[in-house]
Amino acid sequence: MSILKPPPKATKNETLQLRVQEEIKTKLRGYAEFINSSESYVVSEALKLLFRKDAEFRVWLEEQPRSILQPQNGGDSLFETVSKP
């Protein structure tokens, strides 16, 4: 039985471009196929799980100004987000 469930109905999404090791990409593709879903869904759900389970991160996040939760369009970070039309 899979840990992640198939995706619910569509929500507003952003595009995230990043680099991972070849082994991670291969396993990601395999897991997505295993649960009959997209690689994007697997990454999103895995990150949600990480954010929920990391108590120290949750405490840190609560201490941050609300502006940290706003999308960044400057491209200054390691991750660049691009809005989908």
Protein backbone atom coordinates (compact mmCIF):
# COMPACT_ATOMS: atom_id res chain seq x y z
CA MET A 1 0.00 0.00 0.00
CA SER A 2 1.39 3.43 -0.93
CA ILE A 3 2.00 6.15 1.65
CA LEU A 4 0.76 8.92 -0.65
CA LYS A 5 -2.76 8.96 -2.05
CA PRO A 6 -3.69 10.02 -5.61
CA PRO A 7 -4.13 13.77 -6.09
CA PRO A 8 -7.37 15.60 -5.28
CA LYS A 9 -8.93 18.04 -7.72
CA ALA A 10 -6.71 20.72 -9.25
CA THR A 11 -5.38 23.63 -7.21
CA LYS A 12 -3.35 26.71 -8.15
CA ASN A 13 0.19 25.56 -8.85
CA GLU A 14 3.58 27.15 -9.31
CA THR A 15 6.53 25.86 -11.30
CA LEU A 16 9.72 24.99 -9.42
CA GLN A 17 12.91 24.16 -11.24
CA LEU A 18 15.63 22.31 -9.32
CA ARG A 19 18.39 19.79 -9.74
CA VAL A 20 18.51 16.39 -8.04
CA GLN A 21 20.77 13.38 -8.26
CA GLU A 22 19.94 10.96 -11.05
CA GLU A 23 19.05 8.22 -8.54
CA ILE A 24 16.48 10.50 -6.87
CA LYS A 25 14.90 11.38 -10.20
CA THR A 26 14.66 7.71 -11.14
CA LYS A 27 13.03 6.80 -7.83
CA LEU A 28 10.70 9.80 -8.08
CA ARG A 29 9.57 8.71 -11.54
CA GLY A 30 9.07 5.16 -10.27
CA TYR A 31 7.08 6.23 -7.21
CA ALA A 32 4.85 8.47 -9.33
CA GLU A 33 4.17 5.53 -11.63
CA PHE A 34 3.57 3.27 -8.60
CA ILE A 35 0.76 5.52 -7.30
CA ASN A 36 -0.45 6.42 -10.81
CA SER A 37 0.29 10.11 -10.37
CA SER A 38 2.64 12.86 -11.52
CA GLU A 39 6.15 13.51 -10.27
CA SER A 40 5.00 17.00 -9.25
CA TYR A 41 2.31 15.52 -7.02
CA VAL A 42 4.80 13.21 -5.30
CA VAL A 43 7.22 16.08 -4.61
CA SER A 44 4.43 18.35 -3.33
CA GLU A 45 3.04 15.69 -1.00
CA ALA A 46 6.50 14.70 0.24
CA LEU A 47 7.26 18.34 1.08
CA LYS A 48 3.91 18.75 2.86
CA LEU A 49 4.75 15.66 4.92
CA LEU A 50 8.21 17.04 5.73
CA PHE A 51 6.78 20.41 6.80
CA ARG A 52 4.15 18.71 9.00
CA LYS A 53 6.58 16.30 10.67
CA ASP A 54 9.46 18.73 11.37
CA ALA A 55 8.46 20.29 14.70
CA GLU A 56 11.58 22.45 14.87
CA PHE A 57 10.79 23.92 11.44
CA ARG A 58 7.18 24.66 12.48
CA VAL A 59 8.41 26.55 15.55
CA TRP A 60 10.94 28.48 13.44
CA LEU A 61 8.29 29.30 10.83
CA GLU A 62 5.91 30.67 13.46
CA GLU A 63 8.68 33.01 14.64
CA GLN A 64 9.22 34.45 11.15
CA PRO A 65 7.46 37.52 9.79
CA ARG A 66 4.49 36.67 7.58
CA SER A 67 6.40 38.06 4.57
CA ILE A 68 8.51 34.88 4.47
CA LEU A 69 5.42 32.98 3.31
CA GLN A 70 4.92 35.27 0.31
CA PRO A 71 6.12 34.10 -3.14
CA GLN A 72 9.53 35.41 -4.17
CA ASN A 73 9.97 36.60 -7.74
CA GLY A 74 13.51 37.97 -7.46
CA GLY A 75 15.22 34.73 -8.48
CA ASP A 76 17.84 35.32 -5.76
CA SER A 77 17.29 31.97 -4.07
CA LEU A 78 18.43 28.50 -5.04
CA PHE A 79 14.86 27.76 -6.06
CA GLU A 80 13.09 29.91 -8.59
CA THR A 81 9.30 29.94 -8.77
CA VAL A 82 7.44 30.92 -11.89
CA SER A 83 3.69 31.49 -11.98
CA LYS A 84 1.74 29.38 -14.42
CA PRO A 85 -0.70 31.21 -16.69
